[in-house]
Amino acid sequence: MSEAVLAIVFAGPHVSIQDGGRPGFMRFGVPRSGPLDRQSFAAANLALGNRADAPAIEVSLGGLSLSCVSGTVSFAVAGGGFILDHAGGKRGSWTVATLRAGERLTIRPGYWGSWCYLAFAGALECPHWLGSAATHALSGLGGGNLKTGQTLTIAGAEVRDNREGDIPCPVSARPRHVARVTLGPQDRFFDAETLERFLAGPWKMTDAWDRMGVRLSGPAIRPEAALDMPSEPIVRGSVQVAGDGVPTLLLADHQTTGGYPKIATVLDSDLDALVQLRPRDRVRFVPVSAEEAVAVARTAAQGARIYRQTIAMPRGTAQV
């Protein structure tokens, strides 16, 4: 089996190895982790012919530069609208190409988006924790946060010529400035006027964010009751409000329990596009009922299934 060896010339902050995550451990206090933008992560893998949850690299606005020391391997990049410098030429993300010995691949921010994903046609060798390569950012457990000077090995590296070319970028992958929410489960801690302020906004993403969550800048929405609720399970997408009245949107590495009230929960189908917003971008929250949320989830799941099936097929393959 062939392999490709890559040297990390530069890795910005929050660049890490992720896979589909480690479900089933939250009851033990272990977050699921995995990619912040799950749809784009899956798209990069599927466009190469990999499993949707295979280990790949999550690239932040800090960027990433790799040099191919030996071997040849096809790769895919999907997610935000990043810019690729590859073998002396420039191209956009949402593409499949091949990296050869002596060539360099640099990924840097483009016009939109905060995260993109780099997948390889082969097995990215990396540590696993609890059966998963997903990196828990604070501990570094899992595949790990990438560092300048590190070397990566792609086992079973392949050139997949029938995969090369542009990957269709769905409209749903673009940054989402309007996010649908269901109110609660602790909206009882906020009076009617405060709930109106939350929904009216405007809110901005701040620089205070990482893989655990992002603090939002906007009107004060302090709870109107004593914060005496017991700690309880938390889900990805919860908008948690501390005593200072500042809301935090919880993301992939969120804590598993918490004792602050959650004023609302962002619909899971809106989260992937929401995390592509950049600091100081505006976002507004629109309430939907539980019944509407279920309908939205079903429609989104059907659309994602069709999209994944389409890009997973090699080019020139006709459906029978």
Protein backbone atom coordinates (compact mmCIF):
# COMPACT_ATOMS: atom_id res chain seq x y z
CA MET A 1 0.00 0.00 0.00
CA SER A 2 1.26 3.45 -0.88
CA GLU A 3 1.38 6.33 1.55
CA ALA A 4 1.76 10.08 1.40
CA VAL A 5 3.74 12.06 3.96
CA LEU A 6 2.81 15.70 4.54
CA ALA A 7 4.73 18.30 6.54
CA ILE A 8 2.76 21.06 8.25
CA VAL A 9 4.46 24.29 7.22
CA PHE A 10 1.98 26.38 9.21
CA ALA A 11 -1.16 25.66 11.21
CA GLY A 12 -3.28 28.45 12.67
CA PRO A 13 -5.20 28.23 15.95
CA HIS A 14 -8.14 25.82 16.20
CA VAL A 15 -6.92 23.65 13.29
CA SER A 16 -7.59 20.07 14.31
CA ILE A 17 -8.38 16.54 13.20
CA GLN A 18 -12.06 15.62 13.43
CA ASP A 19 -14.28 12.73 12.46
CA GLY A 20 -18.02 12.23 12.83
CA GLY A 21 -17.70 12.53 16.62
CA ARG A 22 -18.07 10.20 19.59
CA PRO A 23 -21.77 9.74 20.42
CA GLY A 24 -22.97 7.96 23.53
CA PHE A 25 -20.54 9.42 26.08
CA MET A 26 -22.30 12.58 27.24
CA ARG A 27 -23.69 10.73 30.27
CA PHE A 28 -20.05 10.31 31.33
CA GLY A 29 -19.29 14.01 30.85
CA VAL A 30 -17.61 13.59 27.44
CA PRO A 31 -18.80 15.89 24.61
CA ARG A 32 -19.47 14.43 21.18
CA SER A 33 -17.08 16.92 19.48
CA GLY A 34 -16.71 16.36 15.72
CA PRO A 35 -16.88 19.05 13.02
CA LEU A 36 -18.54 22.39 13.64
CA ASP A 37 -20.02 22.31 10.11
CA ARG A 38 -21.09 18.69 9.76
CA GLN A 39 -22.58 18.95 6.28
CA SER A 40 -19.45 20.47 4.74
CA PHE A 41 -17.27 17.93 6.54
CA ALA A 42 -19.34 15.10 5.08
CA ALA A 43 -19.27 16.72 1.63
CA ALA A 44 -15.45 16.80 1.56
CA ASN A 45 -15.26 13.11 2.44
CA LEU A 46 -18.08 11.90 0.20
CA ALA A 47 -16.79 13.81 -2.83
CA LEU A 48 -13.60 11.73 -2.52
CA GLY A 49 -15.45 8.45 -2.09
CA ASN A 50 -14.70 8.23 1.64
CA ARG A 51 -17.13 7.49 4.45
CA ALA A 52 -18.95 10.65 5.48
CA ASP A 53 -17.48 10.42 8.99
CA ALA A 54 -13.85 9.57 8.08
CA PRO A 55 -11.10 11.58 9.83
CA ALA A 56 -10.29 14.88 8.12
CA ILE A 57 -8.82 18.27 9.04
CA GLU A 58 -10.94 21.17 10.28
CA VAL A 59 -9.32 24.45 9.15
CA SER A 60 -10.08 27.73 10.94
CA LEU A 61 -9.66 31.32 9.80
CA GLY A 62 -6.04 30.93 10.93
CA GLY A 63 -5.34 28.83 7.83
CA LEU A 64 -3.16 25.83 7.06
CA SER A 65 -0.16 25.17 4.82
CA LEU A 66 1.08 21.67 3.94
CA SER A 67 4.03 20.43 1.92
CA CYS A 68 3.92 16.99 0.32
CA VAL A 69 7.19 15.30 1.31
CA SER A 70 6.51 12.04 -0.51
CA GLY A 71 3.73 10.18 -2.26
CA THR A 72 0.68 11.34 -4.17
CA VAL A 73 -2.83 11.73 -2.80
CA SER A 74 -6.12 13.20 -3.93
CA PHE A 75 -7.78 15.67 -1.56
CA ALA A 76 -11.02 17.58 -1.20
CA VAL A 77 -11.80 20.92 0.44
CA ALA A 78 -15.33 22.02 1.37
CA GLY A 79 -16.87 24.43 3.86
CA GLY A 80 -16.38 28.19 3.85
CA GLY A 81 -15.35 30.07 0.73
CA PHE A 82 -11.63 29.68 1.41
CA ILE A 83 -8.80 30.20 -1.10
CA LEU A 84 -6.41 27.38 -2.06
CA ASP A 85 -2.85 27.95 -3.26
CA HIS A 86 -1.92 24.63 -4.83
CA ALA A 87 1.14 23.84 -6.94
CA GLY A 88 1.59 27.48 -7.87
CA GLY A 89 -2.05 28.10 -8.84
CA LYS A 90 -5.06 29.50 -7.03
CA ARG A 91 -8.55 28.06 -6.79
CA GLY A 92 -11.55 28.22 -4.52
CA SER A 93 -12.67 25.64 -2.00
CA TRP A 94 -15.39 23.11 -2.82
CA THR A 95 -13.01 21.20 -5.03
CA VAL A 96 -11.19 17.88 -5.47
CA ALA A 97 -7.60 17.82 -6.72
CA THR A 98 -4.36 15.85 -6.28
CA LEU A 99 -1.29 16.74 -4.23
CA ARG A 100 2.08 15.37 -5.40
CA ALA A 101 5.54 15.14 -3.86
CA GLY A 102 7.25 18.53 -3.86
CA GLU A 103 3.97 20.47 -4.06
CA ARG A 104 2.52 22.75 -1.42
CA LEU A 105 -1.12 23.26 -0.48
CA THR A 106 -2.07 26.41 1.43
CA ILE A 107 -5.62 27.09 2.63
CA ARG A 108 -6.48 30.62 3.73
CA PRO A 109 -9.70 32.58 4.34
CA GLY A 110 -11.59 33.87 1.34
CA TYR A 111 -14.67 36.04 1.05
CA TRP A 112 -16.96 34.10 3.37
CA GLY A 113 -17.06 31.43 6.02
CA SER A 114 -15.10 30.60 9.17
CA TRP A 115 -14.35 26.87 8.78
CA CYS A 116 -13.46 24.48 5.98
CA TYR A 117 -12.52 20.80 5.79
CA LEU A 118 -9.61 19.03 4.14
CA ALA A 119 -10.10 15.33 3.44
CA PHE A 120 -7.73 12.85 1.80
CA ALA A 121 -8.18 9.78 -0.41
CA GLY A 122 -6.74 7.41 2.15
CA ALA A 123 -6.58 6.90 5.90
CA LEU A 124 -5.31 9.90 7.86
CA GLU A 125 -3.19 8.30 10.59
CA CYS A 126 -3.86 9.87 13.98
CA PRO A 127 -4.56 8.99 17.62
CA HIS A 128 -8.05 7.90 18.67
CA TRP A 129 -9.78 8.43 22.01
CA LEU A 130 -12.82 6.40 23.04
CA GLY A 131 -12.99 5.01 19.53
CA SER A 132 -12.98 8.36 17.73
CA ALA A 133 -10.44 10.68 16.09
CA ALA A 134 -12.57 13.74 16.91
CA THR A 135 -10.43 16.25 18.79
CA HIS A 136 -11.75 17.67 22.05
CA ALA A 137 -10.12 21.09 21.79
CA LEU A 138 -9.55 21.88 25.48
CA SER A 139 -7.90 18.54 26.31
CA GLY A 140 -6.39 17.85 22.90
CA LEU A 141 -7.58 14.24 23.18
CA GLY A 142 -8.48 12.53 19.91
CA GLY A 143 -6.72 13.19 16.63
CA GLY A 144 -5.21 16.34 18.06
CA ASN A 145 -4.75 20.03 17.36
CA LEU A 146 -2.28 20.45 14.50
CA LYS A 147 0.99 22.31 15.02
CA THR A 148 3.61 23.81 12.73
CA GLY A 149 6.42 21.31 12.09
CA GLN A 150 4.23 18.25 12.61
CA THR A 151 4.16 15.44 10.03
CA LEU A 152 1.01 13.69 8.81
CA THR A 153 0.84 10.30 7.10
CA ILE A 154 -1.94 9.21 4.75
CA ALA A 155 -1.96 5.41 4.64
CA GLY A 156 -3.29 3.76 1.50
CA ALA A 157 -3.03 7.07 -0.36
CA GLU A 158 -4.80 7.01 -3.72
CA VAL A 159 -5.18 9.17 -6.79
CA ARG A 160 -8.86 9.30 -7.71
CA ASP A 161 -8.96 10.99 -11.11
CA ASN A 162 -12.69 10.28 -11.47
CA ARG A 163 -13.35 12.49 -8.44
CA GLU A 164 -11.43 15.61 -9.49
CA GLY A 165 -13.22 18.87 -10.18
CA ASP A 166 -15.63 21.21 -8.44
CA ILE A 167 -17.96 20.02 -5.68
CA PRO A 168 -21.44 21.58 -5.91
CA CYS A 169 -21.79 24.04 -3.04
CA PRO A 170 -25.39 24.01 -1.78
CA VAL A 171 -27.09 27.26 -0.84
CA SER A 172 -27.58 25.82 2.66
CA ALA A 173 -23.80 25.86 3.19
CA ARG A 174 -23.61 29.66 3.04
CA PRO A 175 -23.49 31.65 6.31
CA ARG A 176 -26.92 31.90 7.89
CA HIS A 177 -27.90 35.32 9.29
CA VAL A 178 -31.38 34.22 10.38
CA ALA A 179 -31.54 31.21 12.70
CA ARG A 180 -34.73 29.45 13.73
CA VAL A 181 -35.13 28.65 17.42
CA THR A 182 -37.54 26.98 19.77
CA LEU A 183 -37.89 29.01 22.96
CA GLY A 184 -36.78 27.44 26.22
CA PRO A 185 -36.45 25.13 27.96
CA GLN A 186 -35.94 27.80 30.64
CA ASP A 187 -37.71 30.76 29.02
CA ARG A 188 -39.65 30.99 32.32
CA PHE A 189 -36.58 32.74 33.77
CA PHE A 190 -37.14 35.69 31.40
CA ASP A 191 -40.06 38.11 31.37
CA ALA A 192 -42.01 38.92 28.20
CA GLU A 193 -40.06 42.11 27.52
CA THR A 194 -36.72 40.29 27.77
CA LEU A 195 -37.93 37.56 25.40
CA GLU A 196 -38.94 40.28 22.93
CA ARG A 197 -35.47 41.84 23.18
CA PHE A 198 -33.88 38.47 22.51
CA LEU A 199 -35.95 37.95 19.38
CA ALA A 200 -35.62 41.56 18.19
CA GLY A 201 -31.84 41.70 18.63
CA PRO A 202 -29.80 42.68 16.77
CA TRP A 203 -27.07 40.22 17.71
CA LYS A 204 -23.49 40.01 16.53
CA MET A 205 -21.01 37.18 16.67
CA THR A 206 -18.02 38.15 18.83
CA ASP A 207 -14.33 37.25 18.93
CA ALA A 208 -15.01 35.32 22.15
CA TRP A 209 -15.58 31.95 20.60
CA ASP A 210 -14.03 28.55 20.20
CA ARG A 211 -15.29 25.03 19.61
CA MET A 212 -17.25 25.10 22.89
CA GLY A 213 -19.36 28.09 21.98
CA VAL A 214 -19.58 31.73 20.94
CA ARG A 215 -20.67 34.72 23.02
CA LEU A 216 -23.13 37.05 21.33
CA SER A 217 -23.12 40.83 21.49
CA GLY A 218 -26.46 42.60 21.77
CA PRO A 219 -29.08 43.77 24.28
CA ALA A 220 -28.81 42.63 27.88
CA ILE A 221 -31.19 39.75 28.60
CA ARG A 222 -30.55 39.08 32.27
CA PRO A 223 -32.65 36.37 33.88
CA GLU A 224 -35.41 37.75 36.09
CA ALA A 225 -35.32 34.93 38.62
CA ALA A 226 -32.78 33.51 41.03
CA LEU A 227 -30.35 31.21 39.27
CA ASP A 228 -31.13 28.28 41.54
CA MET A 229 -31.89 25.66 38.92
CA PRO A 230 -29.98 22.37 39.24
CA SER A 231 -27.50 21.42 36.55
CA GLU A 232 -29.08 19.49 33.70
CA PRO A 233 -28.05 18.09 30.31
CA ILE A 234 -27.21 20.57 27.56
CA VAL A 235 -27.51 20.10 23.81
CA ARG A 236 -25.64 21.60 20.89
CA GLY A 237 -27.41 24.77 19.80
CA SER A 238 -28.51 25.83 23.30
CA VAL A 239 -28.44 29.60 23.90
CA GLN A 240 -27.34 29.79 27.53
CA VAL A 241 -27.56 33.05 29.51
CA ALA A 242 -25.34 33.70 32.53
CA GLY A 243 -26.06 36.20 35.28
CA ASP A 244 -24.40 39.03 33.33
CA GLY A 245 -27.14 38.81 30.69
CA VAL A 246 -24.76 37.78 27.88
CA PRO A 247 -25.94 34.79 25.82
CA THR A 248 -23.60 32.04 24.61
CA LEU A 249 -24.45 29.74 21.73
CA LEU A 250 -23.10 26.28 22.54
CA LEU A 251 -21.28 24.32 19.83
CA ALA A 252 -19.55 20.98 19.20
CA ASP A 253 -17.38 20.81 22.34
CA HIS A 254 -20.02 22.18 24.69
CA GLN A 255 -20.08 21.07 28.32
CA THR A 256 -22.48 18.20 28.93
CA THR A 257 -24.37 19.79 31.85
CA GLY A 258 -25.00 23.31 33.07
CA GLY A 259 -26.94 25.31 35.62
CA TYR A 260 -27.58 28.52 33.70
CA PRO A 261 -30.96 28.98 31.99
CA LYS A 262 -31.27 28.34 28.27
CA ILE A 263 -33.49 30.99 26.69
CA ALA A 264 -33.75 29.15 23.36
CA THR A 265 -32.34 26.33 21.25
CA VAL A 266 -31.22 26.83 17.65
CA LEU A 267 -32.61 24.22 15.27
CA ASP A 268 -29.92 21.65 14.53
CA SER A 269 -30.44 22.03 10.79
CA ASP A 270 -29.49 25.73 11.02
CA LEU A 271 -26.31 25.29 13.06
CA ASP A 272 -23.90 24.26 10.29
CA ALA A 273 -24.53 27.44 8.31
CA LEU A 274 -24.65 29.61 11.44
CA VAL A 275 -21.09 28.65 12.47
CA GLN A 276 -19.85 29.94 9.11
CA LEU A 277 -20.59 33.49 10.28
CA ARG A 278 -17.53 35.53 11.17
CA PRO A 279 -16.92 37.76 14.21
CA ARG A 280 -19.07 40.93 14.01
CA ASP A 281 -21.48 39.31 11.54
CA ARG A 282 -25.11 39.85 12.47
CA VAL A 283 -27.58 37.11 13.29
CA ARG A 284 -31.27 37.21 14.16
CA PHE A 285 -33.38 34.56 15.89
CA VAL A 286 -36.85 33.62 14.69
CA PRO A 287 -39.09 31.46 16.91
CA VAL A 288 -40.84 28.37 15.57
CA SER A 289 -43.12 25.89 17.28
CA ALA A 290 -42.07 22.35 18.14
CA GLU A 291 -44.26 21.06 15.30
CA GLU A 292 -42.63 23.45 12.83
CA ALA A 293 -39.18 22.44 14.06
CA VAL A 294 -39.93 18.77 13.38
CA ALA A 295 -41.13 19.60 9.86
CA VAL A 296 -37.99 21.67 9.20
CA ALA A 297 -35.77 18.84 10.46
CA ARG A 298 -37.46 16.29 8.19
CA THR A 299 -37.18 18.52 5.13
CA ALA A 300 -33.52 19.30 5.86
CA ALA A 301 -32.69 15.63 6.38
CA GLN A 302 -34.29 14.68 3.06
CA GLY A 303 -32.40 17.42 1.21
CA ALA A 304 -29.11 16.44 2.83
CA ARG A 305 -29.64 12.79 1.95
CA ILE A 306 -30.22 13.59 -1.74
CA TYR A 307 -27.24 15.94 -1.86
CA ARG A 308 -24.92 13.40 -0.26
CA GLN A 309 -26.01 10.66 -2.63
CA THR A 310 -25.35 12.94 -5.60
CA ILE A 311 -21.83 14.03 -4.71
CA ALA A 312 -20.80 10.55 -3.55
CA MET A 313 -21.05 9.23 -7.12
CA PRO A 314 -17.84 9.32 -9.25
CA ARG A 315 -17.97 11.73 -12.15
CA GLY A 316 -19.51 10.28 -15.27
CA THR A 317 -21.46 7.71 -13.28
CA ALA A 318 -25.07 7.47 -14.37
CA GLN A 319 -27.78 6.41 -11.97
CA VAL A 320 -29.70 3.34 -13.08
